[in-house]
Amino acid sequence: ILGDFNDQPSDENITNHLIKTDFVNLSLKFEKESTGTVNHKGEWYVFDQIIISKHLLSSKSFISIPLFKYPFNQTRTTA
């Protein structure tokens, strides 16, 4: 499952209603970092998430999701 959930990976809607026992949220690690997929008023949020079946994870699998780090300028000027 891939998309904008408009919730953080640790929010109740994701953890209690979507993830349950058979899925893993690969985006959870980004919430603990000072980065994200959406910046609102200088605060980072991880609304865009990648959720996979636990069956895809095994000792032979390698899954990596890099987060593109755009040089975000929080200072805006108006004309």
C-alpha atoms as a PDB file:
ATOM      1  CA  ILE A   1       0.000   0.000   0.000  1.00  0.00           C
ATOM      2  CA  LEU A   2       1.523   3.328  -1.041  1.00  0.00           C
ATOM      3  CA  GLY A   3       0.111   6.786  -0.642  1.00  0.00           C
ATOM      4  CA  ASP A   4      -0.695   9.916   1.308  1.00  0.00           C
ATOM      5  CA  PHE A   5      -2.621   8.841   4.406  1.00  0.00           C
ATOM      6  CA  ASN A   6      -2.790  12.323   5.945  1.00  0.00           C
ATOM      7  CA  ASP A   7      -1.691  10.663   9.199  1.00  0.00           C
ATOM      8  CA  GLN A   8       1.666   9.921  10.798  1.00  0.00           C
ATOM      9  CA  PRO A   9       2.856   6.273  10.820  1.00  0.00           C
ATOM     10  CA  SER A  10       2.289   6.077  14.601  1.00  0.00           C
ATOM     11  CA  ASP A  11      -1.209   7.622  14.537  1.00  0.00           C
ATOM     12  CA  GLU A  12      -4.090   5.456  15.744  1.00  0.00           C
ATOM     13  CA  ASN A  13      -5.773   5.261  12.344  1.00  0.00           C
ATOM     14  CA  ILE A  14      -2.673   3.628  10.887  1.00  0.00           C
ATOM     15  CA  THR A  15      -1.490   1.483  13.814  1.00  0.00           C
ATOM     16  CA  ASN A  16      -4.852   0.194  15.102  1.00  0.00           C
ATOM     17  CA  HIS A  17      -6.959   0.019  11.952  1.00  0.00           C
ATOM     18  CA  LEU A  18      -4.646  -0.502   8.997  1.00  0.00           C
ATOM     19  CA  ILE A  19      -1.449  -2.231  10.089  1.00  0.00           C
ATOM     20  CA  LYS A  20      -2.789  -4.917  12.487  1.00  0.00           C
ATOM     21  CA  THR A  21      -0.571  -8.047  12.439  1.00  0.00           C
ATOM     22  CA  ASP A  22       0.112  -8.868   8.792  1.00  0.00           C
ATOM     23  CA  PHE A  23       1.670  -5.585   7.638  1.00  0.00           C
ATOM     24  CA  VAL A  24       4.795  -3.513   8.226  1.00  0.00           C
ATOM     25  CA  ASN A  25       4.993   0.252   7.760  1.00  0.00           C
ATOM     26  CA  LEU A  26       8.369   0.967   6.153  1.00  0.00           C
ATOM     27  CA  SER A  27       7.873   4.714   6.671  1.00  0.00           C
ATOM     28  CA  LEU A  28       7.785   4.456  10.469  1.00  0.00           C
ATOM     29  CA  LYS A  29      11.546   5.007  10.703  1.00  0.00           C
ATOM     30  CA  PHE A  30      11.257   8.453   9.101  1.00  0.00           C
ATOM     31  CA  GLU A  31       8.925   9.703  11.832  1.00  0.00           C
ATOM     32  CA  LYS A  32      11.731   9.330  14.381  1.00  0.00           C
ATOM     33  CA  GLU A  33      14.098  11.427  12.256  1.00  0.00           C
ATOM     34  CA  SER A  34      13.924  15.188  11.805  1.00  0.00           C
ATOM     35  CA  THR A  35      12.668  14.798   8.261  1.00  0.00           C
ATOM     36  CA  GLY A  36       9.473  13.805   6.499  1.00  0.00           C
ATOM     37  CA  THR A  37       7.430  13.930   3.325  1.00  0.00           C
ATOM     38  CA  VAL A  38       5.440  17.094   4.111  1.00  0.00           C
ATOM     39  CA  ASN A  39       6.608  20.305   5.730  1.00  0.00           C
ATOM     40  CA  HIS A  40       3.911  22.503   7.241  1.00  0.00           C
ATOM     41  CA  LYS A  41       4.896  25.722   9.026  1.00  0.00           C
ATOM     42  CA  GLY A  42       8.403  24.397   9.641  1.00  0.00           C
ATOM     43  CA  GLU A  43       7.251  21.025  11.051  1.00  0.00           C
ATOM     44  CA  TRP A  44       7.984  17.763   9.224  1.00  0.00           C
ATOM     45  CA  TYR A  45       5.312  15.062   8.898  1.00  0.00           C
ATOM     46  CA  VAL A  46       5.402  11.601   7.303  1.00  0.00           C
ATOM     47  CA  PHE A  47       2.044  11.488   5.530  1.00  0.00           C
ATOM     48  CA  ASP A  48       3.280   9.566   2.465  1.00  0.00           C
ATOM     49  CA  GLN A  49       3.799   5.979   3.533  1.00  0.00           C
ATOM     50  CA  ILE A  50       4.786   2.567   2.203  1.00  0.00           C
ATOM     51  CA  ILE A  51       3.097  -0.393   3.886  1.00  0.00           C
ATOM     52  CA  ILE A  52       3.933  -3.970   2.885  1.00  0.00           C
ATOM     53  CA  SER A  53       2.952  -7.487   3.861  1.00  0.00           C
ATOM     54  CA  LYS A  54       5.165  -9.115   6.506  1.00  0.00           C
ATOM     55  CA  HIS A  55       5.500 -12.052   4.114  1.00  0.00           C
ATOM     56  CA  LEU A  56       7.688  -9.879   1.866  1.00  0.00           C
ATOM     57  CA  LEU A  57      10.229  -9.597   4.666  1.00  0.00           C
ATOM     58  CA  SER A  58      12.539 -12.529   5.075  1.00  0.00           C
ATOM     59  CA  SER A  59      16.202 -13.158   5.715  1.00  0.00           C
ATOM     60  CA  LYS A  60      16.734 -13.192   1.934  1.00  0.00           C
ATOM     61  CA  SER A  61      14.857  -9.985   1.132  1.00  0.00           C
ATOM     62  CA  PHE A  62      16.378  -6.539   0.932  1.00  0.00           C
ATOM     63  CA  ILE A  63      13.954  -3.640   0.996  1.00  0.00           C
ATOM     64  CA  SER A  64      15.170  -0.082   1.250  1.00  0.00           C
ATOM     65  CA  ILE A  65      13.225   3.134   0.854  1.00  0.00           C
ATOM     66  CA  PRO A  66      15.378   6.223   0.611  1.00  0.00           C
ATOM     67  CA  LEU A  67      13.846   9.589   1.401  1.00  0.00           C
ATOM     68  CA  PHE A  68      14.791  12.270  -1.116  1.00  0.00           C
ATOM     69  CA  LYS A  69      16.216  15.222   0.786  1.00  0.00           C
ATOM     70  CA  TYR A  70      15.406  18.419  -1.055  1.00  0.00           C
ATOM     71  CA  PRO A  71      17.263  21.512   0.186  1.00  0.00           C
ATOM     72  CA  PHE A  72      14.133  22.987   1.754  1.00  0.00           C
ATOM     73  CA  ASN A  73      14.246  26.706   2.405  1.00  0.00           C
ATOM     74  CA  GLN A  74      11.842  27.593   5.203  1.00  0.00           C
ATOM     75  CA  THR A  75      12.226  31.330   4.676  1.00  0.00           C
ATOM     76  CA  ARG A  76       9.742  32.766   2.208  1.00  0.00           C
ATOM     77  CA  THR A  77       9.739  36.277   0.890  1.00  0.00           C
ATOM     78  CA  THR A  78       6.725  38.090  -0.490  1.00  0.00           C
ATOM     79  CA  ALA A  79       6.792  40.849  -3.024  1.00  0.00           C
END
